[in-house]
Amino acid sequence: MSFLLTILIVAATCYVLGLLLMVLSRLGSAGRALSEACSRAPLLDIVLALFTAAPWIVAACLRGWRGLFAAILGEIAACYLWTWTHELIHAEATRGPRIVKTIERIVGKGPNHLALWLTSLGVPVLWIVRVLEIGVYPLLILLLGFPRYNHGQWVNLSRHKFKDLVGHDLVWCFYCDWMTGTWSLGTEMLRNVESFWCPIRFSNPAKNQNCVTVFPDIEGGWVPADGTMAQVAAVLEEKYADGRRGWFGHLSRLADPPAAAACATIEHGSEANQELLAEHSIHPKNHRTMPAATHQAEGQTPICNDRVQVFVQIDGEQIKDISFLATACPICTASASMMTQLVVGKTKAEAQRLYEAFHGLMTHPESAVPAELGDAAALAGVHRFPVRIKCATLPWHAMNAAIAKGAIAQAPHAEA
């Protein structure tokens, strides 16, 4: 098989597959169902392998490195040919605003296209990550009881449903769609690994700060770098003795006993509230230290052994920034996350009114839910579980204490 023939075969095969997928959703209900199935794992893995890894492997086996290079050139040719075809079919959309037009005005056509193709060098790396997710992580489930994941909820494509996203823009958004899902699932799995085997913060403060967004357990349970091995052992006993193996903020800790009792509002509220509370507890906003804080307060509750530090930067009467650190149950963490989003940018007087509104929501459930509480209104159901009210109000007490008392304040036992 000649070098040129290999390019032509790969290009033609990928181009025809692309056309088939493009018309699949137009072939009645069965076609739409198959199209949907092909847009998420596990079928998506097969589809993408046909466009990327399969041609590499087959061509390399037949022609060595020359075959591999020819396969890559064939895939690039198919990509441009399919892009041209799709834009021709959707000519009206191409005449309107587009990502590619905007970016090319900003950086130029040449740099934009070169940079995009340079990012495609990450495809083999992402395939390695995907193979580990499919082939290695299930063994950790069997050996250690790690949480299971529905891969289709992470690894999927949906941007083709965005209006007027066509041709060039659609191809590269598909790539990013797959990349972010694959990488996020791998990161989620790695959180379980890190917290299970190495729950110790880094000695480098900058690394802790840089990594805490991706690994929330750094500030959500890992032992300080100057701690002791006895503390590490105690954390492992506390977190894993009950049979749950997810990282400390993992969703499974919201759903399974004994976490269900601590997170009843998440389990029994509306579906929208469940999702909102889960998002804020698993991926809390503003969960970080604040070296420039002008005010600070700490608080804790004996019920869940919640511990919260609230940092506030105040300029005159305005709250310029607010953040928190917590080793706390999901309700407390979600409440703190919602509070920081709600309070930032407000005046001290406005923050005080929000504090009073939230306190009223917790203690007077018969009252109407204040509209100004935003996402925090999702915690209204906590009132049905009186022992959890302190979990929800703790961050608010700490915030109020910080603003009212100055540089360092204590709110050791939040009262409902």
Protein backbone atom coordinates (compact mmCIF):
# COMPACT_ATOMS: atom_id res chain seq x y z
CA MET A 1 0.00 0.00 0.00
CA SER A 2 1.59 3.27 -1.12
CA PHE A 3 1.94 6.33 1.08
CA LEU A 4 -0.51 8.35 -1.04
CA LEU A 5 -3.01 5.49 -1.22
CA THR A 6 -2.99 5.22 2.58
CA ILE A 7 -3.77 8.93 2.86
CA LEU A 8 -6.64 8.61 0.38
CA ILE A 9 -8.18 5.53 2.05
CA VAL A 10 -8.07 7.06 5.53
CA ALA A 11 -9.39 10.41 4.30
CA ALA A 12 -12.25 8.80 2.37
CA THR A 13 -13.20 6.49 5.23
CA CYS A 14 -13.27 9.26 7.83
CA TYR A 15 -15.13 11.61 5.50
CA VAL A 16 -17.85 9.05 4.72
CA LEU A 17 -18.22 8.19 8.42
CA GLY A 18 -18.61 11.88 9.16
CA LEU A 19 -21.33 12.23 6.53
CA LEU A 20 -23.18 9.18 7.88
CA LEU A 21 -23.18 10.60 11.38
CA MET A 22 -24.35 13.95 10.02
CA VAL A 23 -27.47 12.44 8.39
CA LEU A 24 -28.14 9.78 11.03
CA SER A 25 -30.40 11.98 13.12
CA ARG A 26 -32.57 12.62 10.05
CA LEU A 27 -33.45 8.94 9.60
CA GLY A 28 -36.53 8.85 11.78
CA SER A 29 -36.84 7.94 15.45
CA ALA A 30 -34.48 4.97 15.17
CA GLY A 31 -31.82 7.16 13.55
CA ARG A 32 -32.21 9.83 16.23
CA ALA A 33 -31.92 7.23 18.98
CA LEU A 34 -28.76 5.77 17.42
CA SER A 35 -27.35 9.26 16.92
CA GLU A 36 -27.90 10.03 20.61
CA ALA A 37 -26.28 6.73 21.61
CA CYS A 38 -23.26 7.51 19.42
CA SER A 39 -22.83 10.87 21.15
CA ARG A 40 -22.03 9.38 24.57
CA ALA A 41 -19.89 6.60 26.00
CA PRO A 42 -19.59 3.70 25.43
CA LEU A 43 -20.58 3.97 21.74
CA LEU A 44 -18.83 7.33 21.50
CA ASP A 45 -15.53 5.64 22.37
CA ILE A 46 -15.97 3.34 19.35
CA VAL A 47 -16.96 6.19 17.04
CA LEU A 48 -14.01 8.36 18.04
CA ALA A 49 -11.63 5.41 17.78
CA LEU A 50 -12.72 4.95 14.16
CA PHE A 51 -11.83 8.59 13.45
CA THR A 52 -8.55 8.71 15.37
CA ALA A 53 -6.81 5.72 16.97
CA ALA A 54 -7.98 2.91 14.66
CA PRO A 55 -6.45 4.39 11.47
CA TRP A 56 -3.18 5.03 13.33
CA ILE A 57 -2.93 1.46 14.57
CA VAL A 58 -3.93 -0.25 11.31
CA ALA A 59 -1.72 1.95 9.11
CA ALA A 60 1.24 1.66 11.48
CA CYS A 61 0.95 -2.13 11.53
CA LEU A 62 0.87 -2.26 7.73
CA ARG A 63 3.37 0.49 6.88
CA GLY A 64 5.23 1.36 10.07
CA TRP A 65 5.99 4.98 10.82
CA ARG A 66 5.23 6.00 7.22
CA GLY A 67 1.79 4.46 7.57
CA LEU A 68 1.17 6.28 10.84
CA PHE A 69 2.15 9.60 9.30
CA ALA A 70 -0.02 8.91 6.25
CA ALA A 71 -3.00 8.08 8.48
CA ILE A 72 -2.63 11.37 10.34
CA LEU A 73 -2.47 13.30 7.05
CA GLY A 74 -5.57 11.44 5.85
CA GLU A 75 -7.47 12.39 9.01
CA ILE A 76 -6.47 16.04 8.61
CA ALA A 77 -7.63 15.99 4.98
CA ALA A 78 -10.96 14.41 5.98
CA CYS A 79 -11.41 17.04 8.68
CA TYR A 80 -11.00 19.92 6.24
CA LEU A 81 -13.17 18.23 3.59
CA TRP A 82 -15.98 17.55 6.08
CA THR A 83 -15.69 21.11 7.42
CA TRP A 84 -16.06 22.51 3.90
CA THR A 85 -19.06 20.26 3.21
CA HIS A 86 -20.81 21.14 6.46
CA GLU A 87 -20.27 24.86 5.96
CA LEU A 88 -21.57 24.59 2.39
CA ILE A 89 -24.76 22.94 3.65
CA HIS A 90 -25.16 25.58 6.36
CA ALA A 91 -24.06 28.56 4.29
CA GLU A 92 -26.44 30.94 6.01
CA ALA A 93 -24.92 30.23 9.43
CA THR A 94 -21.41 30.81 8.10
CA ARG A 95 -22.37 34.36 7.09
CA GLY A 96 -23.26 35.30 10.66
CA PRO A 97 -21.10 35.68 13.79
CA ARG A 98 -18.68 32.77 14.29
CA ILE A 99 -16.01 31.72 16.73
CA VAL A 100 -13.41 31.25 14.00
CA LYS A 101 -14.01 34.69 12.50
CA THR A 102 -13.76 36.39 15.87
CA ILE A 103 -10.59 34.57 16.95
CA GLU A 104 -8.93 35.20 13.59
CA ARG A 105 -9.63 38.92 13.95
CA ILE A 106 -7.98 38.81 17.36
CA VAL A 107 -4.86 36.73 16.62
CA GLY A 108 -4.83 36.17 12.87
CA LYS A 109 -5.79 33.18 10.70
CA GLY A 110 -2.40 31.48 10.59
CA PRO A 111 -1.66 31.55 14.34
CA ASN A 112 -5.21 30.40 15.13
CA HIS A 113 -5.10 27.32 12.87
CA LEU A 114 -1.55 26.41 13.89
CA ALA A 115 -2.43 26.68 17.57
CA LEU A 116 -5.53 24.51 17.12
CA TRP A 117 -3.57 21.73 15.45
CA LEU A 118 -0.90 21.94 18.14
CA THR A 119 -3.59 21.24 20.74
CA SER A 120 -4.52 18.10 18.80
CA LEU A 121 -1.22 16.61 19.96
CA GLY A 122 -3.14 16.00 23.17
CA VAL A 123 -5.39 13.41 21.49
CA PRO A 124 -3.04 10.45 22.16
CA VAL A 125 -2.67 11.58 25.78
CA LEU A 126 -6.43 11.78 26.20
CA TRP A 127 -6.79 8.30 24.73
CA ILE A 128 -4.32 7.00 27.32
CA VAL A 129 -6.44 8.65 30.03
CA ARG A 130 -9.58 7.13 28.53
CA VAL A 131 -8.05 3.64 28.40
CA LEU A 132 -7.09 3.96 32.08
CA GLU A 133 -10.65 5.01 32.91
CA ILE A 134 -12.09 2.03 31.06
CA GLY A 135 -9.50 -0.63 31.81
CA VAL A 136 -7.76 0.23 35.09
CA TYR A 137 -10.21 2.12 37.29
CA PRO A 138 -12.77 -0.75 37.28
CA LEU A 139 -10.09 -2.90 38.92
CA LEU A 140 -9.86 -0.34 41.73
CA ILE A 141 -13.61 -0.65 42.14
CA LEU A 142 -13.26 -4.41 42.55
CA LEU A 143 -10.18 -4.30 44.79
CA LEU A 144 -10.92 -1.25 46.95
CA GLY A 145 -14.61 -0.49 46.54
CA PHE A 146 -14.04 2.88 44.84
CA PRO A 147 -17.19 4.66 43.57
CA ARG A 148 -18.64 3.70 40.21
CA TYR A 149 -19.30 6.27 37.50
CA ASN A 150 -21.71 6.45 34.59
CA HIS A 151 -19.16 7.27 31.89
CA GLY A 152 -21.86 8.49 29.53
CA GLN A 153 -22.65 11.38 31.87
CA TRP A 154 -19.07 12.58 31.58
CA VAL A 155 -17.80 11.49 28.16
CA ASN A 156 -20.34 12.74 25.65
CA LEU A 157 -20.88 15.25 22.84
CA SER A 158 -23.72 17.75 22.87
CA ARG A 159 -22.46 20.96 21.31
CA HIS A 160 -23.95 20.06 17.92
CA LYS A 161 -27.26 21.12 19.50
CA PHE A 162 -26.04 24.71 19.82
CA LYS A 163 -27.67 26.87 17.18
CA ASP A 164 -25.50 27.89 14.20
CA LEU A 165 -22.39 26.06 15.44
CA VAL A 166 -21.18 24.67 12.10
CA GLY A 167 -18.14 23.48 10.19
CA HIS A 168 -14.81 24.56 11.62
CA ASP A 169 -16.32 25.74 14.88
CA LEU A 170 -18.27 22.50 15.35
CA VAL A 171 -15.26 20.24 14.75
CA TRP A 172 -13.09 21.97 17.31
CA CYS A 173 -15.90 22.35 19.82
CA PHE A 174 -16.49 18.60 19.49
CA TYR A 175 -12.84 18.03 20.31
CA CYS A 176 -13.06 20.26 23.38
CA ASP A 177 -16.35 18.58 24.34
CA TRP A 178 -14.71 15.16 24.38
CA MET A 179 -11.49 16.46 25.94
CA THR A 180 -13.16 18.19 28.90
CA GLY A 181 -15.41 15.22 29.68
CA THR A 182 -12.59 12.69 29.47
CA TRP A 183 -10.23 14.84 31.53
CA SER A 184 -12.87 15.66 34.15
CA LEU A 185 -13.77 12.00 34.66
CA GLY A 186 -10.10 11.13 35.00
CA THR A 187 -9.64 13.92 37.53
CA GLU A 188 -12.68 12.74 39.49
CA MET A 189 -11.22 9.23 39.65
CA LEU A 190 -7.82 10.61 40.64
CA ARG A 191 -9.41 12.48 43.56
CA ASN A 192 -10.44 9.12 44.99
CA VAL A 193 -6.92 7.77 44.55
CA GLU A 194 -5.19 10.79 46.12
CA SER A 195 -7.42 11.06 49.18
CA PHE A 196 -7.37 7.29 49.73
CA TRP A 197 -3.61 6.78 49.62
CA CYS A 198 -2.09 10.21 50.25
CA PRO A 199 -4.30 12.53 52.37
CA ILE A 200 -1.42 14.88 53.23
CA ARG A 201 -1.19 18.49 52.13
CA PHE A 202 1.87 19.62 50.20
CA SER A 203 4.68 21.45 51.97
CA ASN A 204 4.62 24.03 49.18
CA PRO A 205 1.82 26.53 50.01
CA ALA A 206 1.59 27.69 46.40
CA LYS A 207 0.97 24.14 45.22
CA ASN A 208 -1.82 23.70 47.77
CA GLN A 209 -3.46 26.88 46.52
CA ASN A 210 -3.01 25.95 42.87
CA CYS A 211 -4.36 22.42 43.25
CA VAL A 212 -7.23 22.96 45.69
CA THR A 213 -9.81 23.62 42.97
CA VAL A 214 -9.15 20.28 41.29
CA PHE A 215 -8.53 18.44 44.58
CA PRO A 216 -10.94 20.01 47.13
CA ASP A 217 -9.90 17.57 49.85
CA ILE A 218 -6.63 19.50 50.17
CA GLU A 219 -8.55 21.94 52.36
CA GLY A 220 -11.43 19.57 53.00
CA GLY A 221 -9.76 16.93 55.10
CA TRP A 222 -6.12 16.30 54.15
CA VAL A 223 -3.68 16.48 57.04
CA PRO A 224 -1.44 19.60 57.24
CA ALA A 225 2.13 19.21 56.00
CA ASP A 226 3.42 19.72 59.56
CA GLY A 227 1.02 17.12 60.98
CA THR A 228 1.78 13.63 62.24
CA MET A 229 1.31 10.17 60.84
CA ALA A 230 -1.10 9.52 63.68
CA GLN A 231 -3.32 12.27 62.24
CA VAL A 232 -3.13 10.67 58.81
CA ALA A 233 -4.16 7.31 60.22
CA ALA A 234 -7.01 8.96 62.12
CA VAL A 235 -8.29 10.65 58.94
CA LEU A 236 -8.21 7.34 57.08
CA GLU A 237 -10.12 5.63 59.89
CA GLU A 238 -12.67 8.41 60.04
CA LYS A 239 -13.31 8.61 56.31
CA TYR A 240 -13.12 4.99 55.22
CA ALA A 241 -14.11 2.76 58.14
CA ASP A 242 -17.78 2.93 57.08
CA GLY A 243 -17.08 1.30 53.71
CA ARG A 244 -17.33 4.41 51.52
CA ARG A 245 -14.27 4.90 49.33
CA GLY A 246 -15.04 8.15 47.51
CA TRP A 247 -12.94 11.27 48.09
CA PHE A 248 -14.11 13.19 51.14
CA GLY A 249 -16.53 15.44 49.25
CA HIS A 250 -17.74 12.74 46.85
CA LEU A 251 -21.43 12.56 45.97
CA SER A 252 -21.68 9.05 47.46
CA ARG A 253 -21.12 10.63 50.87
CA LEU A 254 -24.33 12.58 50.36
CA ALA A 255 -26.45 9.56 49.54
CA ASP A 256 -25.38 6.61 51.67
CA PRO A 257 -25.86 6.04 55.41
CA PRO A 258 -24.74 7.51 57.67
CA ALA A 259 -24.30 10.53 55.39
CA ALA A 260 -28.01 10.49 54.55
CA ALA A 261 -28.91 11.71 58.01
CA ALA A 262 -26.44 14.56 57.75
CA CYS A 263 -27.59 15.50 54.26
CA ALA A 264 -31.32 14.86 54.46
CA THR A 265 -32.16 18.13 52.78
CA ILE A 266 -30.20 17.09 49.73
CA GLU A 267 -31.86 13.70 49.58
CA HIS A 268 -35.44 14.80 50.16
CA GLY A 269 -35.64 18.19 48.48
CA SER A 270 -36.71 18.86 44.92
CA GLU A 271 -34.54 17.50 42.13
CA ALA A 272 -33.34 21.01 41.26
CA ASN A 273 -32.40 21.69 44.88
CA GLN A 274 -30.62 18.33 45.14
CA GLU A 275 -28.48 19.15 42.13
CA LEU A 276 -27.77 22.67 43.37
CA LEU A 277 -26.77 21.53 46.85
CA ALA A 278 -24.69 18.68 45.52
CA GLU A 279 -22.85 21.06 43.17
CA HIS A 280 -22.05 23.52 45.96
CA SER A 281 -20.95 20.80 48.39
CA ILE A 282 -18.80 18.87 45.91
CA HIS A 283 -17.40 21.88 44.05
CA PRO A 284 -17.68 24.73 46.59
CA LYS A 285 -17.19 28.25 45.31
CA ASN A 286 -14.59 30.53 46.94
CA HIS A 287 -13.11 27.65 48.95
CA ARG A 288 -9.65 29.15 49.44
CA THR A 289 -7.48 31.16 51.77
CA MET A 290 -7.23 34.94 51.42
CA PRO A 291 -3.88 36.52 52.34
CA ALA A 292 -5.35 39.99 51.78
CA ALA A 293 -8.28 39.48 54.16
CA THR A 294 -9.03 42.38 56.48
CA HIS A 295 -11.47 40.40 58.64
CA GLN A 296 -11.60 36.78 59.68
CA ALA A 297 -13.66 34.52 61.91
CA GLU A 298 -13.74 30.84 62.80
CA GLY A 299 -16.55 28.61 63.98
CA GLN A 300 -17.35 25.00 64.71
CA THR A 301 -20.27 22.77 65.70
CA PRO A 302 -20.12 19.57 67.74
CA ILE A 303 -22.78 17.77 65.68
CA CYS A 304 -20.77 17.04 62.54
CA ASN A 305 -17.55 18.44 63.97
CA ASP A 306 -17.84 21.14 61.31
CA ARG A 307 -15.03 23.69 61.28
CA VAL A 308 -15.24 26.82 59.15
CA GLN A 309 -12.94 29.79 58.64
CA VAL A 310 -14.36 32.81 56.83
CA PHE A 311 -12.10 35.44 55.28
CA VAL A 312 -13.42 38.85 54.26
CA GLN A 313 -11.76 41.77 52.50
CA ILE A 314 -13.59 45.00 53.25
CA ASP A 315 -12.93 48.36 51.64
CA GLY A 316 -14.87 51.05 53.46
CA GLU A 317 -18.37 49.66 53.66
CA GLN A 318 -18.10 47.24 50.75
CA ILE A 319 -17.18 43.55 50.85
CA LYS A 320 -14.64 43.33 48.04
CA ASP A 321 -13.95 39.62 48.47
CA ILE A 322 -14.98 36.72 50.70
CA SER A 323 -13.81 33.12 50.93
CA PHE A 324 -13.80 30.20 53.34
CA LEU A 325 -12.01 27.03 54.35
CA ALA A 326 -13.98 24.18 55.84
CA THR A 327 -13.71 20.68 57.13
CA ALA A 328 -17.42 20.15 57.26
CA CYS A 329 -20.45 18.13 56.29
CA PRO A 330 -22.01 18.73 52.85
CA ILE A 331 -24.78 20.96 54.20
CA CYS A 332 -22.32 23.27 55.92
CA THR A 333 -20.01 23.35 52.90
CA ALA A 334 -22.86 24.08 50.47
CA SER A 335 -24.18 26.82 52.75
CA ALA A 336 -20.77 28.48 52.94
CA SER A 337 -20.32 28.28 49.18
CA MET A 338 -23.71 29.85 48.51
CA MET A 339 -23.13 32.53 51.14
CA THR A 340 -19.85 33.71 49.64
CA GLN A 341 -21.38 34.01 46.19
CA LEU A 342 -24.30 35.94 47.62
CA VAL A 343 -22.38 38.34 49.87
CA VAL A 344 -19.45 39.36 47.66
CA GLY A 345 -19.84 42.91 46.38
CA LYS A 346 -22.46 43.79 48.97
CA THR A 347 -22.12 46.43 51.69
CA LYS A 348 -21.75 45.42 55.33
CA ALA A 349 -25.33 46.52 55.95
CA GLU A 350 -26.59 44.41 53.04
CA ALA A 351 -24.61 41.41 54.29
CA GLN A 352 -26.19 41.86 57.71
CA ARG A 353 -29.66 41.84 56.15
CA LEU A 354 -28.84 38.69 54.19
CA TYR A 355 -27.59 37.06 57.39
CA GLU A 356 -30.85 37.92 59.12
CA ALA A 357 -32.90 36.67 56.16
CA PHE A 358 -31.06 33.35 56.12
CA HIS A 359 -31.33 33.00 59.88
CA GLY A 360 -35.05 33.61 59.57
CA LEU A 361 -35.32 31.01 56.81
CA MET A 362 -33.79 28.43 59.15
CA THR A 363 -35.75 29.32 62.28
CA HIS A 364 -39.13 30.42 60.88
CA PRO A 365 -39.95 27.94 58.09
CA GLU A 366 -43.54 29.11 57.90
CA SER A 367 -42.38 32.45 56.47
CA ALA A 368 -42.03 33.05 52.74
CA VAL A 369 -38.59 32.33 51.32
CA PRO A 370 -36.78 35.67 50.79
CA ALA A 371 -36.05 36.16 47.10
CA GLU A 372 -32.75 37.91 47.86
CA LEU A 373 -31.25 34.65 49.20
CA GLY A 374 -30.81 33.25 45.70
CA ASP A 375 -29.31 29.75 45.68
CA ALA A 376 -29.26 29.69 49.48
CA ALA A 377 -33.03 29.31 49.41
CA ALA A 378 -32.40 25.68 48.41
CA LEU A 379 -31.47 25.06 52.06
CA ALA A 380 -34.99 25.87 53.23
CA GLY A 381 -35.70 22.16 53.75
CA VAL A 382 -33.09 21.95 56.52
CA HIS A 383 -35.69 23.18 59.02
CA ARG A 384 -37.24 19.69 58.91
CA PHE A 385 -34.06 18.35 60.54
CA PRO A 386 -33.44 20.63 63.55
CA VAL A 387 -30.07 19.10 64.40
CA ARG A 388 -28.81 20.21 60.97
CA ILE A 389 -29.81 23.86 61.28
CA LYS A 390 -26.53 24.64 63.02
CA CYS A 391 -24.63 23.02 60.15
CA ALA A 392 -26.32 25.36 57.67
CA THR A 393 -26.03 28.51 59.77
CA LEU A 394 -22.43 28.07 60.96
CA PRO A 395 -20.79 29.82 57.97
CA TRP A 396 -23.26 32.69 58.24
CA HIS A 397 -22.52 33.14 61.94
CA ALA A 398 -18.80 33.18 61.17
CA MET A 399 -19.28 35.71 58.37
CA ASN A 400 -21.40 37.94 60.57
CA ALA A 401 -18.86 37.69 63.40
CA ALA A 402 -15.98 38.57 61.07
CA ILE A 403 -17.70 41.69 59.76
CA ALA A 404 -18.98 42.80 63.16
CA LYS A 405 -15.94 42.17 65.34
CA GLY A 406 -12.99 42.94 63.14
CA ALA A 407 -9.70 41.34 62.22
CA ILE A 408 -10.03 38.01 64.03
CA ALA A 409 -13.22 36.80 65.64
CA GLN A 410 -14.57 33.55 67.01
CA ALA A 411 -17.98 32.00 66.51
CA PRO A 412 -17.19 28.68 68.20
CA HIS A 413 -20.71 27.37 68.68
CA ALA A 414 -23.20 28.68 66.18
CA GLU A 415 -26.62 29.04 67.74
CA ALA A 416 -29.72 28.54 65.69
